[in-house]
Amino acid sequence: MKHLVLIGRGHPHAVTLQMFGMKPLPGVRLSLISEASGRSAYSGMIPMWQVFAVEQPVTLIYGH
């Protein structure tokens, strides 16, 4: 069995987790290592948040 380890909780990892959840790869185990805070900034939305175009919670990715 192969083990794919993602370190950090950025947007690319969120997409990877979503895609893996929809279509797991046989023989591959997926782990995510990140801070214990439970949320990370979605970098694609930070410029919009800086100009007050969106609320801060929209810029966060929540984990459990």
Protein backbone atom coordinates (compact mmCIF):
# COMPACT_ATOMS: atom_id res chain seq x y z
CA MET A 1 0.00 0.00 0.00
CA LYS A 2 1.27 3.48 -0.86
CA HIS A 3 0.91 6.35 1.62
CA LEU A 4 0.41 9.89 0.32
CA VAL A 5 1.17 12.50 3.02
CA LEU A 6 0.07 16.12 2.54
CA ILE A 7 1.76 18.67 4.81
CA GLY A 8 -0.14 21.89 5.42
CA ARG A 9 -3.73 22.77 4.62
CA GLY A 10 -3.62 25.03 1.59
CA HIS A 11 -6.08 25.21 -1.28
CA PRO A 12 -4.34 22.53 -3.39
CA HIS A 13 -4.56 20.09 -0.47
CA ALA A 14 -8.26 20.89 0.04
CA VAL A 15 -8.90 20.07 -3.62
CA THR A 16 -6.82 16.88 -3.34
CA LEU A 17 -8.83 15.76 -0.29
CA GLN A 18 -12.10 16.50 -2.06
CA MET A 19 -11.09 14.61 -5.20
CA PHE A 20 -9.72 11.67 -3.19
CA GLY A 21 -12.98 11.54 -1.22
CA MET A 22 -15.01 11.41 -4.42
CA LYS A 23 -12.79 8.83 -6.12
CA PRO A 24 -10.27 7.10 -3.82
CA LEU A 25 -7.28 5.45 -5.45
CA PRO A 26 -7.06 1.72 -4.75
CA GLY A 27 -4.04 0.86 -2.63
CA VAL A 28 -3.37 4.47 -1.58
CA ARG A 29 -3.74 5.80 1.95
CA LEU A 30 -4.02 9.59 2.35
CA SER A 31 -2.95 11.59 5.42
CA LEU A 32 -2.98 15.33 6.08
CA ILE A 33 -0.61 16.88 8.62
CA SER A 34 -1.44 20.43 9.69
CA GLU A 35 -1.74 22.79 12.63
CA ALA A 36 -4.32 21.97 15.27
CA SER A 37 -6.16 25.29 14.84
CA GLY A 38 -8.88 23.71 12.69
CA ARG A 39 -8.84 26.38 10.00
CA SER A 40 -6.50 27.77 7.36
CA ALA A 41 -6.65 30.74 5.06
CA TYR A 42 -7.78 30.14 1.50
CA SER A 43 -5.11 32.17 -0.25
CA GLY A 44 -7.21 32.76 -3.35
CA MET A 45 -9.69 34.85 -1.32
CA ILE A 46 -7.25 36.90 0.79
CA PRO A 47 -6.93 39.76 -1.77
CA MET A 48 -10.74 40.07 -1.83
CA TRP A 49 -10.85 40.09 1.97
CA GLN A 50 -8.18 42.80 2.07
CA VAL A 51 -10.35 45.13 -0.01
CA PHE A 52 -13.43 44.24 2.12
CA ALA A 53 -15.22 42.56 -0.78
CA VAL A 54 -15.90 39.38 1.25
CA GLU A 55 -16.27 38.51 4.93
CA GLN A 56 -13.29 36.87 6.65
CA PRO A 57 -15.00 33.47 7.21
CA VAL A 58 -15.22 33.05 3.41
CA THR A 59 -11.41 33.10 3.30
CA LEU A 60 -11.04 30.17 5.72
CA ILE A 61 -10.89 26.41 5.13
CA TYR A 62 -12.21 24.55 8.16
CA GLY A 63 -10.89 21.14 9.12
CA HIS A 64 -11.99 18.63 11.75
